[in-house]
């Protein structure tokens, strides 16, 4: 029996219609393939923290979530999972059976993760406008002002600039405004045992079972009722939208109270995002992207080299020798000749495709959500908020806070206890490049004709779990 559950006002999922939700969700999916950004084998680090950024919707418009109650009572697959949790984590079997007897199958969550039969056309300009809007920029300025000391402390400890943390939290939830209205237990159980029939169903169910496992352990250890936590339709939780496996691996208490709270504590959200990026290879003081020249030759080379791989794998020198020009003031192309980059392609229907070069830090942003659109929107939102902070006198021209003392609350260790402490060396803010008009960096002098674009030899990249969908 399918039941349409009328949720209390505070837990209703607000949107125009079910069809509207599906349309919007698929638009985001198409822009940020693969569909969900949490992947990896059960025992490998789960490097992507969030399913999809929450979308604001008009107030006063609701629909009722479609559920099937008690689907997981006396379910053989769930019973096997419970036995495993009892054996590995010493759970009370009766308590788990009683808990899952109250879990409801979420037809809505299944609909939202099911790929559309007619793939949507990617549109960077529409995606960019959605996340670089005045609401997010102004909210980002307020968030930065209210948390300036904590953002600066996180920068000094982890080397992740405030604007990057601000960009991620803004894209994810508009600084905690939209954190999801699905019961996380229902969503994770549904997707762990009833994922839709797609080619990657077995892999996705395995991923969600791992997250369900980590969710139950986390809520038990944190003394949280697992039936009360709300989140996204894939179980992402709180201000930064961490999935449970990412909470276990990367979340930290950053206000000194020894309790991790990503749902209401902005300091914990800031510290956890910075720790996540640092642990995934963020390089302090290094760029995120470089712009390329707008000439036909540079665009043609970018088009030929764009292969959709997020890991940097082209040496900059290869592209320059082929004739590509950079529009990146201050870049020493001789010193950066061996720097690996990836071609970031940004298509928009009816417009020329835009291209950028993504460096290691761009790749790290795709570890939060495996999408070129997502990573660039995070970067650009952070840059716009930073520009507003400078214009309003909150930062100096180098981005250093004015009149803010770094707070001294200790950074506590992430869970689980066996995870090593994040690096605590104090890092200085990098000096900003002198302001000047954009210039084209010419390729090094050549003694031979430009080389033909060929697939590059494999270059070193951070180890990561399988991202196939």
Protein backbone atom coordinates (compact mmCIF):
# COMPACT_ATOMS: atom_id res chain seq x y z
CA UNK A 1 0.00 0.00 0.00
CA UNK A 2 1.34 3.39 -0.95
CA UNK A 3 0.63 6.20 1.49
CA UNK A 4 1.00 9.89 0.85
CA UNK A 5 2.20 11.15 4.19
CA UNK A 6 1.23 14.70 5.13
CA UNK A 7 4.28 15.80 7.10
CA UNK A 8 4.26 18.49 9.80
CA UNK A 9 5.02 21.97 8.52
CA UNK A 10 8.63 21.91 9.66
CA UNK A 11 9.34 18.62 7.88
CA UNK A 12 7.49 19.15 4.63
CA UNK A 13 9.45 19.11 1.42
CA UNK A 14 8.53 22.35 -0.27
CA UNK A 15 8.32 22.70 -4.05
CA UNK A 16 5.83 23.43 -6.78
CA UNK A 17 4.84 19.91 -7.80
CA UNK A 18 6.35 16.45 -7.83
CA UNK A 19 6.95 16.85 -11.54
CA UNK A 20 8.63 20.17 -10.91
CA UNK A 21 10.93 18.63 -8.33
CA UNK A 22 11.92 15.87 -10.70
CA UNK A 23 12.57 18.32 -13.49
CA UNK A 24 14.75 20.55 -11.33
CA UNK A 25 16.56 17.59 -9.81
CA UNK A 26 17.38 16.14 -13.20
CA UNK A 27 18.60 19.50 -14.46
CA UNK A 28 21.07 19.54 -11.59
CA UNK A 29 21.95 15.89 -12.21
CA UNK A 30 22.73 16.58 -15.85
CA UNK A 31 24.95 19.48 -14.91
CA UNK A 32 26.72 17.50 -12.19
CA UNK A 33 27.18 13.99 -13.47
CA UNK A 34 27.18 11.39 -12.12
CA UNK A 35 23.79 11.59 -10.43
CA UNK A 36 24.93 11.37 -6.84
CA UNK A 37 28.28 12.55 -5.61
CA UNK A 38 28.94 9.87 -2.99
CA UNK A 39 30.88 6.96 -4.41
CA UNK A 40 33.52 4.46 -3.48
CA UNK A 41 34.00 0.90 -2.29
CA UNK A 42 32.90 0.27 1.28
CA UNK A 43 36.38 0.18 2.77
CA UNK A 44 37.87 2.99 0.69
CA UNK A 45 37.65 6.65 1.75
CA UNK A 46 34.36 8.11 0.61
CA UNK A 47 35.64 11.28 -0.94
CA UNK A 48 32.48 13.03 -2.02
CA UNK A 49 30.46 14.65 0.67
CA UNK A 50 27.20 15.72 -0.84
CA UNK A 51 24.44 14.44 -3.05
CA UNK A 52 23.23 17.62 -4.75
CA UNK A 53 22.96 21.21 -3.54
CA UNK A 54 19.58 21.94 -1.98
CA UNK A 55 17.34 24.11 -4.12
CA UNK A 56 15.32 26.98 -2.61
CA UNK A 57 11.65 26.81 -3.53
CA UNK A 58 8.70 29.19 -3.26
CA UNK A 59 7.28 29.44 0.24
CA UNK A 60 3.79 28.15 0.86
CA UNK A 61 3.85 25.45 -1.84
CA UNK A 62 4.10 21.83 -0.77
CA UNK A 63 3.61 18.29 -1.91
CA UNK A 64 3.23 15.13 0.13
CA UNK A 65 6.06 12.62 0.16
CA UNK A 66 5.03 9.20 -1.14
CA UNK A 67 5.98 6.42 1.27
CA UNK A 68 5.26 2.76 1.98
CA UNK A 69 5.33 2.08 5.75
CA UNK A 70 6.77 -1.07 7.36
CA UNK A 71 8.35 -2.32 4.14
CA UNK A 72 11.53 -3.22 6.00
CA UNK A 73 10.00 -5.21 8.85
CA UNK A 74 10.81 -8.92 8.41
CA UNK A 75 12.80 -8.15 5.28
CA UNK A 76 15.49 -10.81 4.64
CA UNK A 77 18.04 -8.32 3.30
CA UNK A 78 17.49 -5.95 6.21
CA UNK A 79 17.64 -8.85 8.67
CA UNK A 80 21.03 -9.83 7.25
CA UNK A 81 22.22 -6.24 7.58
CA UNK A 82 21.04 -6.14 11.21
CA UNK A 83 22.90 -9.37 11.99
CA UNK A 84 26.06 -7.84 10.53
CA UNK A 85 25.66 -4.67 12.61
CA UNK A 86 25.19 -6.77 15.74
CA UNK A 87 28.29 -8.84 15.02
CA UNK A 88 30.54 -5.93 14.07
CA UNK A 89 29.34 -3.11 16.29
CA UNK A 90 27.57 -4.86 19.18
CA UNK A 91 24.15 -3.37 18.45
CA UNK A 92 21.09 -4.66 20.29
CA UNK A 93 19.30 -6.83 17.67
CA UNK A 94 15.85 -6.24 19.15
CA UNK A 95 16.37 -2.47 19.07
CA UNK A 96 17.45 -2.55 15.42
CA UNK A 97 14.52 -4.75 14.37
CA UNK A 98 12.16 -2.36 16.13
CA UNK A 99 13.84 0.61 14.46
CA UNK A 100 13.62 -0.80 10.93
CA UNK A 101 10.00 -1.84 11.51
CA UNK A 102 9.26 1.88 11.71
CA UNK A 103 11.24 2.81 8.59
CA UNK A 104 9.24 3.82 5.52
CA UNK A 105 10.13 3.25 1.88
CA UNK A 106 10.47 6.66 0.19
CA UNK A 107 9.10 6.51 -3.32
CA UNK A 108 10.05 10.17 -3.69
CA UNK A 109 13.73 9.51 -2.98
CA UNK A 110 13.72 6.72 -5.56
CA UNK A 111 12.16 9.01 -8.16
CA UNK A 112 14.74 11.71 -7.51
CA UNK A 113 17.73 9.40 -8.03
CA UNK A 114 16.28 7.69 -11.11
CA UNK A 115 17.91 8.98 -14.31
CA UNK A 116 15.61 10.63 -16.81
CA UNK A 117 14.90 8.55 -19.95
CA UNK A 118 15.66 11.66 -22.00
CA UNK A 119 18.97 13.16 -20.87
CA UNK A 120 18.86 16.89 -20.26
CA UNK A 121 21.16 19.29 -22.07
CA UNK A 122 23.90 20.75 -19.88
CA UNK A 123 23.72 24.52 -19.54
CA UNK A 124 26.55 26.24 -17.67
CA UNK A 125 25.04 29.72 -17.90
CA UNK A 126 21.77 28.59 -16.28
CA UNK A 127 23.63 26.64 -13.58
CA UNK A 128 25.96 29.57 -12.91
CA UNK A 129 23.07 32.01 -12.59
CA UNK A 130 21.31 29.73 -10.12
CA UNK A 131 24.23 29.68 -7.69
CA UNK A 132 25.83 33.08 -8.28
CA UNK A 133 22.71 35.04 -7.42
CA UNK A 134 22.37 38.07 -5.10
CA UNK A 135 20.68 35.97 -2.39
CA UNK A 136 23.68 33.68 -2.02
CA UNK A 137 26.24 36.46 -2.38
CA UNK A 138 24.61 38.65 0.27
CA UNK A 139 24.07 35.68 2.57
CA UNK A 140 27.72 34.76 2.06
CA UNK A 141 28.85 38.21 3.17
CA UNK A 142 26.78 37.90 6.35
CA UNK A 143 28.08 34.39 7.00
CA UNK A 144 31.70 35.53 6.53
CA UNK A 145 31.23 38.54 8.81
CA UNK A 146 29.63 36.42 11.53
CA UNK A 147 32.32 33.75 11.34
CA UNK A 148 35.40 35.75 10.34
CA UNK A 149 37.59 34.54 13.21
CA UNK A 150 36.66 30.90 12.70
CA UNK A 151 37.21 31.08 8.93
CA UNK A 152 40.61 32.68 9.48
CA UNK A 153 41.58 30.07 12.06
CA UNK A 154 40.56 27.28 9.67
CA UNK A 155 42.69 28.90 6.96
CA UNK A 156 45.71 29.06 9.22
CA UNK A 157 45.28 25.45 10.33
CA UNK A 158 44.22 23.73 7.10
CA UNK A 159 45.41 26.14 4.40
CA UNK A 160 41.94 26.39 2.82
CA UNK A 161 41.01 30.05 2.10
CA UNK A 162 37.80 31.40 3.69
CA UNK A 163 36.25 32.11 0.29
CA UNK A 164 36.45 28.43 -0.66
CA UNK A 165 34.67 27.29 2.51
CA UNK A 166 32.12 30.09 2.06
CA UNK A 167 31.58 29.05 -1.56
CA UNK A 168 30.91 25.40 -0.70
CA UNK A 169 28.47 26.11 2.12
CA UNK A 170 26.69 28.71 0.00
CA UNK A 171 26.18 26.36 -2.94
CA UNK A 172 25.19 23.46 -0.70
CA UNK A 173 22.56 24.99 1.59
CA UNK A 174 22.72 28.83 1.37
CA UNK A 175 24.52 28.77 4.72
CA UNK A 176 22.15 26.35 6.42
CA UNK A 177 18.91 27.73 5.02
CA UNK A 178 17.98 24.61 3.00
CA UNK A 179 19.29 21.39 4.55
CA UNK A 180 16.64 18.94 3.35
CA UNK A 181 13.36 17.61 4.75
CA UNK A 182 13.71 13.86 4.21
CA UNK A 183 14.10 11.53 7.15
CA UNK A 184 17.68 10.38 6.66
CA UNK A 185 16.94 6.90 7.98
CA UNK A 186 14.13 6.44 5.44
CA UNK A 187 16.21 7.77 2.55
CA UNK A 188 19.32 5.70 3.29
CA UNK A 189 17.36 2.50 3.94
CA UNK A 190 15.35 2.94 0.75
CA UNK A 191 18.41 3.52 -1.41
CA UNK A 192 20.43 0.80 0.35
CA UNK A 193 17.84 -1.93 -0.28
CA UNK A 194 15.58 -0.62 -3.08
CA UNK A 195 17.77 1.45 -5.37
CA UNK A 196 16.14 1.83 -8.79
CA UNK A 197 16.99 -0.63 -11.54
CA UNK A 198 19.97 1.05 -13.19
CA UNK A 199 23.19 -0.46 -14.59
CA UNK A 200 25.09 0.60 -11.45
CA UNK A 201 22.43 -0.53 -8.99
CA UNK A 202 24.63 -3.03 -7.11
CA UNK A 203 27.41 -0.48 -6.64
CA UNK A 204 25.04 2.24 -5.49
CA UNK A 205 23.25 -0.02 -3.03
CA UNK A 206 26.62 -1.01 -1.59
CA UNK A 207 27.54 2.66 -1.17
CA UNK A 208 24.27 3.49 0.58
CA UNK A 209 24.53 0.46 2.84
CA UNK A 210 27.94 1.69 3.93
CA UNK A 211 26.42 5.10 4.65
CA UNK A 212 23.51 3.49 6.52
CA UNK A 213 26.02 1.53 8.60
CA UNK A 214 28.02 4.67 9.40
CA UNK A 215 24.81 6.58 10.12
CA UNK A 216 23.67 4.09 12.74
CA UNK A 217 27.09 4.03 14.40
CA UNK A 218 27.35 7.84 14.36
CA UNK A 219 23.89 8.43 15.82
CA UNK A 220 24.42 5.81 18.51
CA UNK A 221 27.81 7.19 19.52
CA UNK A 222 26.46 10.75 19.45
CA UNK A 223 23.33 9.76 21.41
CA UNK A 224 21.03 10.97 18.61
CA UNK A 225 17.71 9.31 17.84
CA UNK A 226 18.32 8.02 14.27
CA UNK A 227 14.65 8.48 13.36
CA UNK A 228 14.77 12.25 13.97
CA UNK A 229 17.56 13.47 11.67
CA UNK A 230 16.47 15.26 8.48
CA UNK A 231 18.55 15.72 5.35
CA UNK A 232 18.59 15.45 1.57
CA UNK A 233 16.92 12.69 -0.42
CA UNK A 234 20.25 10.81 -0.46
CA UNK A 235 20.89 11.27 3.25
CA UNK A 236 23.27 14.25 3.20
CA UNK A 237 23.17 16.08 6.51
CA UNK A 238 23.58 19.56 7.88
CA UNK A 239 25.05 22.89 6.85
CA UNK A 240 27.78 21.35 4.64
CA UNK A 241 25.63 18.37 3.52
CA UNK A 242 27.98 15.58 4.58
CA UNK A 243 26.87 12.02 4.00
CA UNK A 244 27.29 9.85 7.10
CA UNK A 245 30.48 8.19 5.85
CA UNK A 246 32.02 11.63 5.40
CA UNK A 247 30.85 12.67 8.88
CA UNK A 248 32.66 9.67 10.34
CA UNK A 249 35.85 10.39 8.41
CA UNK A 250 36.12 14.16 8.19
CA UNK A 251 33.75 15.96 10.56
CA UNK A 252 35.35 17.69 13.55
CA UNK A 253 34.25 19.73 16.52
CA UNK A 254 35.68 23.20 15.93
CA UNK A 255 34.29 25.22 18.80
CA UNK A 256 35.95 23.40 21.68
CA UNK A 257 32.89 21.61 23.10
CA UNK A 258 33.97 18.12 21.93
CA UNK A 259 30.63 17.48 20.22
CA UNK A 260 30.30 17.43 16.44
CA UNK A 261 27.16 19.22 15.26
CA UNK A 262 26.90 19.91 11.54
CA UNK A 263 23.20 20.74 11.72
CA UNK A 264 23.28 23.90 13.83
CA UNK A 265 26.93 24.71 14.63
CA UNK A 266 28.52 26.92 11.98
CA UNK A 267 32.00 26.56 13.49
CA UNK A 268 31.84 22.77 13.20
CA UNK A 269 30.64 23.09 9.60
CA UNK A 270 33.53 25.42 8.72
CA UNK A 271 36.18 23.26 10.36
CA UNK A 272 34.79 20.07 8.84
CA UNK A 273 34.71 21.46 5.29
CA UNK A 274 38.27 22.77 5.62
CA UNK A 275 39.44 19.45 7.07
CA UNK A 276 37.69 17.56 4.26
CA UNK A 277 39.43 19.59 1.56
CA UNK A 278 42.81 19.41 3.29
CA UNK A 279 42.59 15.63 3.68
CA UNK A 280 41.73 15.35 -0.01
CA UNK A 281 44.83 17.23 -1.11
CA UNK A 282 44.12 20.97 -1.04
CA UNK A 283 47.31 22.91 -1.83
CA UNK A 284 47.68 26.13 0.15
CA UNK A 285 48.45 29.20 -1.95
CA UNK A 286 47.91 27.48 -5.30
CA UNK A 287 45.35 28.53 -7.94
CA UNK A 288 42.10 26.76 -8.66
CA UNK A 289 41.77 27.60 -12.37
CA UNK A 290 43.60 29.48 -15.10
CA UNK A 291 41.85 31.27 -17.94
CA UNK A 292 42.88 30.54 -21.49
CA UNK A 293 43.09 32.89 -24.44
CA UNK A 294 39.95 33.66 -26.40
CA UNK A 295 41.60 33.19 -29.81
CA UNK A 296 40.40 30.44 -32.12
CA UNK A 297 43.64 28.48 -31.77
CA UNK A 298 43.48 28.26 -27.99
CA UNK A 299 39.79 27.33 -28.06
CA UNK A 300 40.45 24.63 -30.65
CA UNK A 301 43.24 23.10 -28.57
CA UNK A 302 41.03 23.13 -25.47
CA UNK A 303 38.22 21.48 -27.40
CA UNK A 304 40.54 18.76 -28.65
CA UNK A 305 42.01 18.10 -25.20
CA UNK A 306 38.73 18.18 -23.23
CA UNK A 307 38.05 14.60 -22.15
CA UNK A 308 35.90 15.08 -19.04
CA UNK A 309 38.51 13.71 -16.66
CA UNK A 310 38.61 15.73 -13.41
CA UNK A 311 42.14 14.64 -12.48
CA UNK A 312 44.81 17.00 -13.86
CA UNK A 313 46.67 14.98 -16.47
CA UNK A 314 47.89 17.37 -19.19
CA UNK A 315 51.23 19.05 -18.53
CA UNK A 316 50.81 22.80 -19.11
CA UNK A 317 53.84 22.71 -21.40
CA UNK A 318 52.09 20.26 -23.72
CA UNK A 319 49.22 22.67 -24.26
CA UNK A 320 51.48 25.71 -24.67
CA UNK A 321 53.68 23.91 -27.20
CA UNK A 322 50.55 23.06 -29.16
CA UNK A 323 49.83 26.79 -29.39
CA UNK A 324 47.47 27.49 -26.50
CA UNK A 325 47.70 30.96 -24.93
CA UNK A 326 46.94 31.75 -21.30
CA UNK A 327 44.99 34.76 -20.08
CA UNK A 328 46.40 34.49 -16.55
CA UNK A 329 48.36 37.47 -15.23
CA UNK A 330 51.41 36.64 -13.18
CA UNK A 331 51.76 33.01 -14.23
CA UNK A 332 55.38 32.01 -14.87
CA UNK A 333 54.91 29.51 -17.69
CA UNK A 334 58.52 28.35 -17.45
CA UNK A 335 58.22 27.51 -13.76
CA UNK A 336 54.76 26.00 -14.29
CA UNK A 337 55.69 24.02 -17.41
CA UNK A 338 55.27 20.67 -15.70
CA UNK A 339 52.12 21.59 -13.77
CA UNK A 340 49.34 19.09 -14.51
CA UNK A 341 46.00 20.57 -15.55
CA UNK A 342 42.67 19.38 -16.86
CA UNK A 343 40.48 21.03 -19.47
CA UNK A 344 37.26 22.28 -17.90
CA UNK A 345 34.54 22.52 -20.55
CA UNK A 346 31.42 24.58 -19.81
CA UNK A 347 28.78 24.13 -22.53
CA UNK A 348 25.68 26.32 -22.86
CA UNK A 349 23.13 25.74 -25.64
CA UNK A 350 23.29 28.36 -28.34
CA UNK A 351 26.59 29.82 -27.06
CA UNK A 352 30.25 28.93 -27.63
CA UNK A 353 31.51 26.46 -25.05
CA UNK A 354 33.69 28.12 -22.42
CA UNK A 355 36.97 26.51 -21.36
CA UNK A 356 39.32 26.87 -18.39
CA UNK A 357 42.32 24.99 -17.08
CA UNK A 358 41.67 23.25 -13.78
CA UNK A 359 44.58 22.67 -11.40
CA UNK A 360 44.95 20.32 -8.43
CA UNK A 361 42.71 22.47 -6.21
CA UNK A 362 39.95 22.36 -8.83
CA UNK A 363 40.19 18.58 -8.74
CA UNK A 364 39.91 18.66 -4.93
CA UNK A 365 36.63 20.61 -5.26
CA UNK A 366 35.30 17.86 -7.54
CA UNK A 367 35.97 15.40 -4.71
CA UNK A 368 33.17 17.17 -2.81
CA UNK A 369 30.89 16.80 -5.82
CA UNK A 370 32.09 15.22 -9.05
CA UNK A 371 31.01 17.98 -11.39
CA UNK A 372 32.89 20.67 -13.32
CA UNK A 373 29.84 22.94 -13.01
CA UNK A 374 29.70 22.46 -9.24
CA UNK A 375 33.41 23.04 -8.64
CA UNK A 376 33.53 26.23 -10.72
CA UNK A 377 30.30 27.58 -9.17
CA UNK A 378 31.82 27.07 -5.70
CA UNK A 379 34.99 28.88 -6.72
CA UNK A 380 33.21 31.77 -8.42
CA UNK A 381 30.67 32.24 -5.61
CA UNK A 382 33.52 32.45 -3.10
CA UNK A 383 35.33 34.98 -5.26
CA UNK A 384 32.23 37.16 -5.57
CA UNK A 385 31.59 37.10 -1.83
CA UNK A 386 35.25 37.98 -1.22
CA UNK A 387 35.01 40.91 -3.65
CA UNK A 388 31.97 42.21 -1.74
CA UNK A 389 33.80 41.84 1.57
CA UNK A 390 36.70 43.90 0.20
CA UNK A 391 34.37 46.53 -1.28
CA UNK A 392 32.58 46.91 2.05
CA UNK A 393 35.80 47.30 4.00
CA UNK A 394 35.71 43.96 5.80
CA UNK A 395 38.92 42.72 4.14
CA UNK A 396 42.02 44.47 2.86
CA UNK A 397 43.05 44.22 -0.78
CA UNK A 398 44.86 40.95 -0.06
CA UNK A 399 41.79 39.37 1.50
CA UNK A 400 43.03 39.64 5.10
CA UNK A 401 40.30 40.40 7.67
CA UNK A 402 40.39 43.90 9.15
CA UNK A 403 40.03 44.18 12.92
CA UNK A 404 39.45 40.45 13.49
CA UNK A 405 41.42 38.45 16.02
CA UNK A 406 41.73 34.75 15.33
CA UNK A 407 39.88 32.81 18.01
CA UNK A 408 41.79 30.31 20.07
CA UNK A 409 39.31 27.48 20.56
CA UNK A 410 41.11 24.18 20.06
CA UNK A 411 40.37 22.06 17.00
CA UNK A 412 39.27 18.65 18.19
CA UNK A 413 39.96 15.38 16.48
CA UNK A 414 37.67 14.01 13.82
CA UNK A 415 35.84 10.76 14.41
CA UNK A 416 36.67 7.90 14.39
CA UNK A 417 39.43 8.17 17.01
CA UNK A 418 41.96 6.23 14.92
CA UNK A 419 42.04 8.96 12.26
CA UNK A 420 45.17 11.11 12.46
CA UNK A 421 45.01 14.77 13.38
CA UNK A 422 44.85 17.27 10.54
CA UNK A 423 48.00 19.30 10.03
CA UNK A 424 48.23 22.14 12.52
CA UNK A 425 51.07 24.21 11.09
CA UNK A 426 50.18 27.89 11.00
CA UNK A 427 50.00 29.00 7.38
CA UNK A 428 50.25 32.57 6.17
CA UNK A 429 47.86 34.01 3.62
CA UNK A 430 49.45 34.02 0.16
CA UNK A 431 50.29 37.39 -1.31
CA UNK A 432 47.86 38.49 -3.98
CA UNK A 433 49.08 39.03 -7.53
CA UNK A 434 49.49 42.71 -8.41
CA UNK A 435 46.38 44.15 -10.01
CA UNK A 436 46.87 44.63 -13.73
CA UNK A 437 45.07 44.17 -17.00
CA UNK A 438 44.74 40.57 -18.20
CA UNK A 439 47.64 39.52 -20.38
CA UNK A 440 48.19 36.65 -22.71
CA UNK A 441 51.07 34.43 -21.77
CA UNK A 442 52.88 33.42 -24.91
CA UNK A 443 54.05 29.88 -25.33
CA UNK A 444 57.79 29.28 -24.87
CA UNK A 445 59.94 29.80 -27.93
CA UNK A 446 59.81 26.71 -30.11
CA UNK A 447 62.54 25.12 -32.17
CA UNK A 448 60.07 22.82 -33.88
CA UNK A 449 56.51 23.05 -35.22
CA UNK A 450 53.66 22.90 -32.71
CA UNK A 451 52.99 19.35 -31.58
CA UNK A 452 49.80 17.48 -32.38
CA UNK A 453 47.39 16.99 -29.51
CA UNK A 454 47.63 13.41 -28.28
CA UNK A 455 46.45 11.71 -25.14
CA UNK A 456 48.98 12.50 -22.43
CA UNK A 457 51.01 9.90 -20.64
CA UNK A 458 49.52 9.12 -17.24
CA UNK A 459 50.56 11.63 -14.59
CA UNK A 460 50.54 11.35 -10.84
CA UNK A 461 47.15 12.07 -9.31
CA UNK A 462 45.73 11.49 -5.85
CA UNK A 463 44.43 8.01 -5.20
CA UNK A 464 40.64 8.03 -5.19
CA UNK A 465 37.83 5.47 -5.12
CA UNK A 466 36.11 4.43 -8.29
CA UNK A 467 33.77 7.18 -9.50
CA UNK A 468 31.91 5.14 -12.08
CA UNK A 469 28.17 5.43 -11.98
